[in-house]
Amino acid sequence: MDADIAIHDAYVLTVDDRNRLYERGTVLMGDGRITEVRASRDDDADIDATRVIDGEGTLVMPGLVNAHTHLELTPLMYSPGRAVIDDDLRHTSWPHWFSRREVR
């Protein structure tokens, strides 16, 4: 099978109607589309693809579009007051996100 991109031996969480999880899965893509999602086979590292990615230890979620955004904050990203905003966040929200207690 010819593919543009093949990701093999990854944790693959599908977003199909059954939300299947492959602990060792392969995702094949061609012509800008996902062409196959399945359990990995022993010879997937040698699959005929333009780019073959060893997905061991990674999570692949084919078809998921992360649409989370905060559009109302976009104008602030390049504003002169950004330094003040960044400083406020650094002392309020960000330290809690990255504290050693919470990250395991």
N, C-alpha and C. Protein backbone atom coordinates (compact mmCIF):
# COMPACT_ATOMS: atom_id res chain seq x y z
N MET A 1 0.84 -1.18 0.00
CA MET A 1 0.00 0.00 0.00
C MET A 1 0.88 1.24 0.00
N ASP A 2 0.59 2.18 -0.84
CA ASP A 2 1.31 3.45 -0.87
C ASP A 2 0.59 4.45 0.03
N ALA A 3 1.37 5.17 0.85
CA ALA A 3 0.81 6.19 1.72
C ALA A 3 1.78 7.36 1.73
N ASP A 4 1.25 8.54 1.99
CA ASP A 4 2.12 9.71 2.15
C ASP A 4 2.77 9.68 3.53
N ILE A 5 1.96 9.42 4.54
CA ILE A 5 2.44 9.39 5.93
C ILE A 5 1.90 8.14 6.60
N ALA A 6 2.76 7.48 7.35
CA ALA A 6 2.36 6.32 8.16
C ALA A 6 2.90 6.52 9.57
N ILE A 7 2.03 6.44 10.55
CA ILE A 7 2.43 6.51 11.96
C ILE A 7 2.12 5.14 12.53
N HIS A 8 3.13 4.47 13.06
CA HIS A 8 2.92 3.10 13.55
C HIS A 8 3.32 2.97 15.02
N ASP A 9 2.77 1.97 15.65
CA ASP A 9 3.09 1.60 17.04
C ASP A 9 2.80 2.71 18.04
N ALA A 10 1.76 3.49 17.79
CA ALA A 10 1.34 4.56 18.70
C ALA A 10 0.08 4.14 19.45
N TYR A 11 -0.20 4.82 20.54
CA TYR A 11 -1.52 4.72 21.14
C TYR A 11 -2.43 5.51 20.21
N VAL A 12 -3.44 4.87 19.67
CA VAL A 12 -4.33 5.55 18.73
C VAL A 12 -5.73 5.57 19.32
N LEU A 13 -6.22 6.76 19.60
CA LEU A 13 -7.57 6.95 20.10
C LEU A 13 -8.39 7.51 18.96
N THR A 14 -9.33 6.72 18.49
CA THR A 14 -10.15 7.16 17.36
C THR A 14 -11.26 8.08 17.85
N VAL A 15 -11.79 8.84 16.95
CA VAL A 15 -12.97 9.65 17.25
C VAL A 15 -14.13 9.15 16.38
N ASP A 16 -14.14 7.83 16.18
CA ASP A 16 -15.24 7.24 15.43
C ASP A 16 -16.41 6.97 16.37
N ASP A 17 -17.44 6.35 15.89
CA ASP A 17 -18.64 6.15 16.70
C ASP A 17 -18.42 5.23 17.90
N ARG A 18 -17.33 4.45 17.90
CA ARG A 18 -17.04 3.55 19.02
C ARG A 18 -15.87 4.02 19.88
N ASN A 19 -15.24 5.13 19.51
CA ASN A 19 -14.09 5.66 20.25
C ASN A 19 -13.07 4.58 20.57
N ARG A 20 -12.69 3.82 19.56
CA ARG A 20 -11.76 2.72 19.76
C ARG A 20 -10.38 3.22 20.18
N LEU A 21 -9.71 2.43 20.99
CA LEU A 21 -8.35 2.70 21.41
C LEU A 21 -7.48 1.53 21.00
N TYR A 22 -6.43 1.83 20.25
CA TYR A 22 -5.44 0.82 19.89
C TYR A 22 -4.20 1.11 20.74
N GLU A 23 -3.81 0.17 21.57
CA GLU A 23 -2.60 0.38 22.36
C GLU A 23 -1.36 0.34 21.48
N ARG A 24 -1.47 -0.30 20.36
CA ARG A 24 -0.41 -0.33 19.35
C ARG A 24 -1.10 -0.20 18.01
N GLY A 25 -1.24 1.05 17.55
CA GLY A 25 -2.02 1.30 16.36
C GLY A 25 -1.23 1.98 15.26
N THR A 26 -1.80 1.92 14.06
CA THR A 26 -1.20 2.53 12.88
C THR A 26 -2.23 3.42 12.20
N VAL A 27 -1.77 4.59 11.77
CA VAL A 27 -2.61 5.53 11.02
C VAL A 27 -1.92 5.79 9.70
N LEU A 28 -2.64 5.61 8.60
CA LEU A 28 -2.11 5.86 7.26
C LEU A 28 -2.85 7.04 6.66
N MET A 29 -2.09 7.92 5.98
CA MET A 29 -2.67 9.09 5.34
C MET A 29 -2.16 9.20 3.92
N GLY A 30 -3.04 9.63 3.02
CA GLY A 30 -2.67 9.84 1.63
C GLY A 30 -3.58 10.86 1.00
N ASP A 31 -3.03 11.68 0.15
CA ASP A 31 -3.79 12.73 -0.54
C ASP A 31 -4.55 13.61 0.43
N GLY A 32 -3.92 13.91 1.58
CA GLY A 32 -4.53 14.82 2.55
C GLY A 32 -5.67 14.22 3.35
N ARG A 33 -5.82 12.90 3.31
CA ARG A 33 -6.92 12.24 4.03
C ARG A 33 -6.40 11.06 4.84
N ILE A 34 -7.11 10.74 5.90
CA ILE A 34 -6.83 9.53 6.66
C ILE A 34 -7.40 8.38 5.85
N THR A 35 -6.54 7.45 5.49
CA THR A 35 -7.00 6.34 4.65
C THR A 35 -7.23 5.06 5.43
N GLU A 36 -6.54 4.92 6.58
CA GLU A 36 -6.73 3.69 7.36
C GLU A 36 -6.28 3.91 8.80
N VAL A 37 -7.05 3.36 9.72
CA VAL A 37 -6.70 3.34 11.14
C VAL A 37 -6.92 1.90 11.59
N ARG A 38 -5.87 1.30 12.17
CA ARG A 38 -5.96 -0.12 12.51
C ARG A 38 -4.91 -0.48 13.54
N ALA A 39 -4.99 -1.71 14.02
CA ALA A 39 -3.95 -2.23 14.91
C ALA A 39 -2.65 -2.35 14.12
N SER A 40 -1.53 -2.08 14.79
CA SER A 40 -0.23 -2.18 14.12
C SER A 40 0.09 -3.64 13.81
N ARG A 41 0.85 -3.80 12.75
CA ARG A 41 1.37 -5.11 12.36
C ARG A 41 2.87 -5.10 12.55
N ASP A 42 3.47 -6.25 12.67
CA ASP A 42 4.91 -6.33 12.93
C ASP A 42 5.76 -5.66 11.86
N ASP A 43 5.28 -5.61 10.63
CA ASP A 43 6.08 -5.03 9.54
C ASP A 43 5.73 -3.58 9.21
N ASP A 44 4.97 -2.90 10.07
CA ASP A 44 4.57 -1.52 9.78
C ASP A 44 5.74 -0.54 9.74
N ALA A 45 6.84 -0.83 10.41
CA ALA A 45 8.00 0.06 10.35
C ALA A 45 8.58 0.12 8.94
N ASP A 46 8.30 -0.91 8.14
CA ASP A 46 8.82 -0.98 6.77
C ASP A 46 7.75 -0.68 5.72
N ILE A 47 6.67 -0.06 6.14
CA ILE A 47 5.56 0.20 5.22
C ILE A 47 6.01 1.15 4.11
N ASP A 48 5.42 1.01 2.94
CA ASP A 48 5.76 1.84 1.79
C ASP A 48 5.05 3.19 1.91
N ALA A 49 5.76 4.17 2.46
CA ALA A 49 5.20 5.52 2.64
C ALA A 49 6.31 6.54 2.44
N THR A 50 5.91 7.74 2.04
CA THR A 50 6.87 8.83 1.88
C THR A 50 7.54 9.16 3.20
N ARG A 51 6.75 9.17 4.27
CA ARG A 51 7.28 9.45 5.60
C ARG A 51 6.72 8.43 6.57
N VAL A 52 7.59 7.73 7.26
CA VAL A 52 7.19 6.73 8.25
C VAL A 52 7.62 7.25 9.62
N ILE A 53 6.66 7.32 10.54
CA ILE A 53 6.91 7.86 11.88
C ILE A 53 6.71 6.76 12.90
N ASP A 54 7.74 6.54 13.73
CA ASP A 54 7.62 5.60 14.83
C ASP A 54 6.88 6.31 15.95
N GLY A 55 5.67 5.88 16.23
CA GLY A 55 4.84 6.55 17.22
C GLY A 55 4.92 5.97 18.61
N GLU A 56 5.91 5.13 18.86
CA GLU A 56 6.01 4.50 20.18
C GLU A 56 6.05 5.56 21.28
N GLY A 57 5.18 5.40 22.27
CA GLY A 57 5.12 6.32 23.39
C GLY A 57 4.34 7.60 23.12
N THR A 58 3.68 7.68 21.96
CA THR A 58 2.91 8.88 21.63
C THR A 58 1.42 8.54 21.52
N LEU A 59 0.61 9.56 21.61
CA LEU A 59 -0.83 9.43 21.43
C LEU A 59 -1.20 10.08 20.11
N VAL A 60 -1.91 9.34 19.27
CA VAL A 60 -2.38 9.87 17.99
C VAL A 60 -3.90 9.85 18.03
N MET A 61 -4.51 10.97 17.68
CA MET A 61 -5.97 11.09 17.68
C MET A 61 -6.41 11.51 16.29
N PRO A 62 -6.47 10.57 15.35
CA PRO A 62 -6.80 10.92 13.96
C PRO A 62 -8.20 11.50 13.85
N GLY A 63 -8.28 12.60 13.13
CA GLY A 63 -9.57 13.24 12.90
C GLY A 63 -9.95 14.28 13.94
N LEU A 64 -9.19 14.37 15.03
CA LEU A 64 -9.50 15.36 16.06
C LEU A 64 -9.03 16.73 15.61
N VAL A 65 -9.88 17.70 15.71
CA VAL A 65 -9.51 19.09 15.44
C VAL A 65 -9.62 19.83 16.76
N ASN A 66 -8.51 20.38 17.23
CA ASN A 66 -8.51 21.13 18.46
C ASN A 66 -8.98 22.55 18.15
N ALA A 67 -10.20 22.83 18.43
CA ALA A 67 -10.78 24.13 18.11
C ALA A 67 -10.84 25.05 19.33
N HIS A 68 -10.17 24.68 20.40
CA HIS A 68 -10.18 25.49 21.60
C HIS A 68 -9.37 26.76 21.38
N THR A 69 -9.98 27.88 21.58
CA THR A 69 -9.28 29.15 21.43
C THR A 69 -9.99 30.22 22.25
N HIS A 70 -9.30 31.30 22.46
CA HIS A 70 -9.86 32.46 23.17
C HIS A 70 -9.72 33.66 22.25
N LEU A 71 -10.60 33.79 21.30
CA LEU A 71 -10.50 34.85 20.31
C LEU A 71 -10.51 36.24 20.92
N GLU A 72 -11.19 36.39 22.04
CA GLU A 72 -11.27 37.72 22.65
C GLU A 72 -9.91 38.20 23.16
N LEU A 73 -8.96 37.29 23.34
CA LEU A 73 -7.63 37.68 23.82
C LEU A 73 -6.64 37.94 22.68
N THR A 74 -6.98 37.60 21.46
CA THR A 74 -6.06 37.74 20.33
C THR A 74 -5.53 39.15 20.17
N PRO A 75 -6.35 40.20 20.24
CA PRO A 75 -5.80 41.55 20.06
C PRO A 75 -4.77 41.93 21.13
N LEU A 76 -4.83 41.31 22.29
CA LEU A 76 -3.89 41.63 23.36
C LEU A 76 -2.50 41.05 23.12
N MET A 77 -2.39 40.07 22.24
CA MET A 77 -1.10 39.39 22.04
C MET A 77 -0.02 40.35 21.55
N TYR A 78 -0.38 41.35 20.81
CA TYR A 78 0.61 42.27 20.24
C TYR A 78 0.41 43.70 20.74
N SER A 79 -0.26 43.85 21.86
CA SER A 79 -0.52 45.19 22.38
C SER A 79 0.64 45.66 23.24
N PRO A 80 0.79 47.00 23.37
CA PRO A 80 1.86 47.52 24.23
C PRO A 80 1.71 47.08 25.68
N GLY A 81 0.49 46.79 26.11
CA GLY A 81 0.26 46.40 27.50
C GLY A 81 0.50 44.93 27.77
N ARG A 82 1.03 44.21 26.79
CA ARG A 82 1.21 42.77 26.96
C ARG A 82 2.14 42.44 28.12
N ALA A 83 3.18 43.22 28.31
CA ALA A 83 4.13 42.94 29.40
C ALA A 83 3.41 42.93 30.74
N VAL A 84 2.47 43.86 30.92
CA VAL A 84 1.72 43.92 32.16
C VAL A 84 0.83 42.69 32.29
N ILE A 85 0.17 42.30 31.20
CA ILE A 85 -0.71 41.13 31.22
C ILE A 85 0.11 39.88 31.52
N ASP A 86 1.25 39.71 30.82
CA ASP A 86 2.10 38.55 31.06
C ASP A 86 2.54 38.49 32.51
N ASP A 87 2.92 39.65 33.08
CA ASP A 87 3.37 39.69 34.46
C ASP A 87 2.23 39.29 35.40
N ASP A 88 1.03 39.78 35.14
CA ASP A 88 -0.13 39.40 35.96
C ASP A 88 -0.37 37.90 35.91
N LEU A 89 -0.33 37.32 34.70
CA LEU A 89 -0.57 35.89 34.56
C LEU A 89 0.52 35.07 35.24
N ARG A 90 1.74 35.53 35.13
CA ARG A 90 2.87 34.79 35.71
C ARG A 90 2.70 34.68 37.23
N HIS A 91 2.10 35.68 37.83
CA HIS A 91 1.97 35.67 39.28
C HIS A 91 0.61 35.17 39.76
N THR A 92 -0.29 34.87 38.84
CA THR A 92 -1.60 34.39 39.25
C THR A 92 -1.86 32.97 38.73
N SER A 93 -2.07 32.82 37.43
CA SER A 93 -2.48 31.53 36.87
C SER A 93 -1.33 30.58 36.58
N TRP A 94 -0.30 31.04 35.91
CA TRP A 94 0.73 30.14 35.40
C TRP A 94 1.47 29.36 36.48
N PRO A 95 1.82 29.95 37.63
CA PRO A 95 2.55 29.14 38.61
C PRO A 95 1.76 27.91 39.05
N HIS A 96 0.45 28.02 39.11
CA HIS A 96 -0.37 26.88 39.53
C HIS A 96 -0.39 25.79 38.47
N TRP A 97 -0.34 26.18 37.21
CA TRP A 97 -0.36 25.19 36.13
C TRP A 97 0.89 24.34 36.13
N PHE A 98 2.01 24.93 36.52
CA PHE A 98 3.28 24.23 36.39
C PHE A 98 3.91 23.86 37.73
N SER A 99 3.13 23.89 38.79
CA SER A 99 3.72 23.53 40.08
C SER A 99 4.06 22.05 40.10
N ARG A 100 5.08 21.69 40.82
CA ARG A 100 5.52 20.30 40.88
C ARG A 100 4.46 19.41 41.52
N ARG A 101 3.63 19.96 42.38
CA ARG A 101 2.59 19.16 43.01
C ARG A 101 1.60 18.63 41.99
N GLU A 102 1.25 19.44 40.99
CA GLU A 102 0.19 19.07 40.07
C GLU A 102 0.69 18.30 38.86
N VAL A 103 1.93 18.48 38.47
CA VAL A 103 2.46 17.81 37.28
C VAL A 103 3.10 16.50 37.73
N ARG A 104 2.56 15.40 37.25
CA ARG A 104 3.09 14.09 37.64
C ARG A 104 3.46 13.30 36.41
